[in-house]
Amino acid sequence: MPLTFAGKGKFKVNRINGGNTVKNRLAKMGIIEGSTIQVSNAHYGGPVVVQLQDAQYGIGIGVASKIDVTPIA
């Protein structure tokens, strides 16, 4: 499912459906295929706030829609 529909919780990044620019920008944040992210705030139509280790990032809806994730129980 796209990150935009994920809601709060812990997720595994399965795939990033973007070009090199998007993939490189996310990789600089530590968001790569196979990584685990924690969504701390997600409002429909707004940015998705994710946590990775000690950092928080706001990801716009356009980029978030290109990140395919699976919930981790």
C-alpha atoms as a PDB file:
ATOM      1  CA  MET A   1       0.000   0.000   0.000  1.00  0.00           C
ATOM      2  CA  PRO A   2       1.218   3.555  -0.560  1.00  0.00           C
ATOM      3  CA  LEU A   3       2.596   5.375   2.470  1.00  0.00           C
ATOM      4  CA  THR A   4      -0.175   7.968   2.059  1.00  0.00           C
ATOM      5  CA  PHE A   5      -2.760   5.331   3.114  1.00  0.00           C
ATOM      6  CA  ALA A   6      -0.673   3.715   5.848  1.00  0.00           C
ATOM      7  CA  GLY A   7      -1.703   5.698   8.929  1.00  0.00           C
ATOM      8  CA  LYS A   8       0.346   5.624  12.126  1.00  0.00           C
ATOM      9  CA  GLY A   9       2.582   2.676  12.988  1.00  0.00           C
ATOM     10  CA  LYS A  10       5.678   0.780  11.957  1.00  0.00           C
ATOM     11  CA  PHE A  11       6.190  -0.179   8.303  1.00  0.00           C
ATOM     12  CA  LYS A  12       8.661  -1.905   6.024  1.00  0.00           C
ATOM     13  CA  VAL A  13       9.495  -0.105   2.770  1.00  0.00           C
ATOM     14  CA  ASN A  14       8.895  -2.593  -0.046  1.00  0.00           C
ATOM     15  CA  ARG A  15       9.455  -0.425  -3.084  1.00  0.00           C
ATOM     16  CA  ILE A  16      10.027   3.164  -4.126  1.00  0.00           C
ATOM     17  CA  ASN A  17       8.186   3.882  -7.372  1.00  0.00           C
ATOM     18  CA  GLY A  18      10.060   6.990  -8.358  1.00  0.00           C
ATOM     19  CA  GLY A  19      12.939   8.080 -10.514  1.00  0.00           C
ATOM     20  CA  ASN A  20      16.539   8.497  -9.432  1.00  0.00           C
ATOM     21  CA  THR A  21      15.917  11.969  -8.032  1.00  0.00           C
ATOM     22  CA  VAL A  22      13.214  10.752  -5.657  1.00  0.00           C
ATOM     23  CA  LYS A  23      15.165   7.623  -4.702  1.00  0.00           C
ATOM     24  CA  ASN A  24      18.337   9.623  -4.014  1.00  0.00           C
ATOM     25  CA  ARG A  25      16.492  12.204  -1.901  1.00  0.00           C
ATOM     26  CA  LEU A  26      14.847   9.474   0.185  1.00  0.00           C
ATOM     27  CA  ALA A  27      18.128   7.536   0.470  1.00  0.00           C
ATOM     28  CA  LYS A  28      19.774  10.610   2.020  1.00  0.00           C
ATOM     29  CA  MET A  29      17.081  10.399   4.718  1.00  0.00           C
ATOM     30  CA  GLY A  30      17.722   6.660   5.168  1.00  0.00           C
ATOM     31  CA  ILE A  31      14.523   5.582   3.410  1.00  0.00           C
ATOM     32  CA  ILE A  32      15.484   2.768   1.064  1.00  0.00           C
ATOM     33  CA  GLU A  33      13.832  -0.456  -0.021  1.00  0.00           C
ATOM     34  CA  GLY A  34      13.902  -2.903   2.891  1.00  0.00           C
ATOM     35  CA  SER A  35      14.206  -0.232   5.598  1.00  0.00           C
ATOM     36  CA  THR A  36      11.822   0.146   8.536  1.00  0.00           C
ATOM     37  CA  ILE A  37      10.077   3.439   9.223  1.00  0.00           C
ATOM     38  CA  GLN A  38       7.785   4.665  11.979  1.00  0.00           C
ATOM     39  CA  VAL A  39       4.915   6.907  10.872  1.00  0.00           C
ATOM     40  CA  SER A  40       4.158   9.312  13.700  1.00  0.00           C
ATOM     41  CA  ASN A  41       1.702  11.618  11.959  1.00  0.00           C
ATOM     42  CA  ALA A  42      -0.351  11.128   8.807  1.00  0.00           C
ATOM     43  CA  HIS A  43      -3.201  13.374   7.729  1.00  0.00           C
ATOM     44  CA  TYR A  44      -5.000  12.660   4.495  1.00  0.00           C
ATOM     45  CA  GLY A  45      -3.941  15.259   1.945  1.00  0.00           C
ATOM     46  CA  GLY A  46      -1.036  16.525   4.040  1.00  0.00           C
ATOM     47  CA  PRO A  47       2.565  15.566   4.689  1.00  0.00           C
ATOM     48  CA  VAL A  48       3.453  12.247   6.314  1.00  0.00           C
ATOM     49  CA  VAL A  49       5.833  12.534   9.281  1.00  0.00           C
ATOM     50  CA  VAL A  50       8.188   9.563   9.617  1.00  0.00           C
ATOM     51  CA  GLN A  51      10.854   8.699  12.158  1.00  0.00           C
ATOM     52  CA  LEU A  52      14.114   6.940  11.388  1.00  0.00           C
ATOM     53  CA  GLN A  53      16.559   6.391  14.243  1.00  0.00           C
ATOM     54  CA  ASP A  54      16.969   9.857  15.811  1.00  0.00           C
ATOM     55  CA  ALA A  55      15.461  11.991  13.041  1.00  0.00           C
ATOM     56  CA  GLN A  56      11.975  13.008  11.929  1.00  0.00           C
ATOM     57  CA  TYR A  57      11.131  13.904   8.342  1.00  0.00           C
ATOM     58  CA  GLY A  58       8.048  15.384   6.720  1.00  0.00           C
ATOM     59  CA  ILE A  59       7.366  13.791   3.350  1.00  0.00           C
ATOM     60  CA  GLY A  60       4.947  15.475   0.971  1.00  0.00           C
ATOM     61  CA  ILE A  61       1.951  13.571  -0.335  1.00  0.00           C
ATOM     62  CA  GLY A  62       3.399  13.330  -3.861  1.00  0.00           C
ATOM     63  CA  VAL A  63       6.579  11.577  -2.737  1.00  0.00           C
ATOM     64  CA  ALA A  64       4.789   9.566  -0.020  1.00  0.00           C
ATOM     65  CA  SER A  65       2.449   8.131  -2.652  1.00  0.00           C
ATOM     66  CA  LYS A  66       5.494   6.623  -4.413  1.00  0.00           C
ATOM     67  CA  ILE A  67       6.613   4.692  -1.317  1.00  0.00           C
ATOM     68  CA  ASP A  68       5.039   1.218  -1.084  1.00  0.00           C
ATOM     69  CA  VAL A  69       4.962  -0.163   2.480  1.00  0.00           C
ATOM     70  CA  THR A  70       3.746  -3.154   4.495  1.00  0.00           C
ATOM     71  CA  PRO A  71       2.728  -2.926   8.180  1.00  0.00           C
ATOM     72  CA  ILE A  72       4.946  -4.622  10.741  1.00  0.00           C
ATOM     73  CA  ALA A  73       3.061  -6.280  13.580  1.00  0.00           C
END
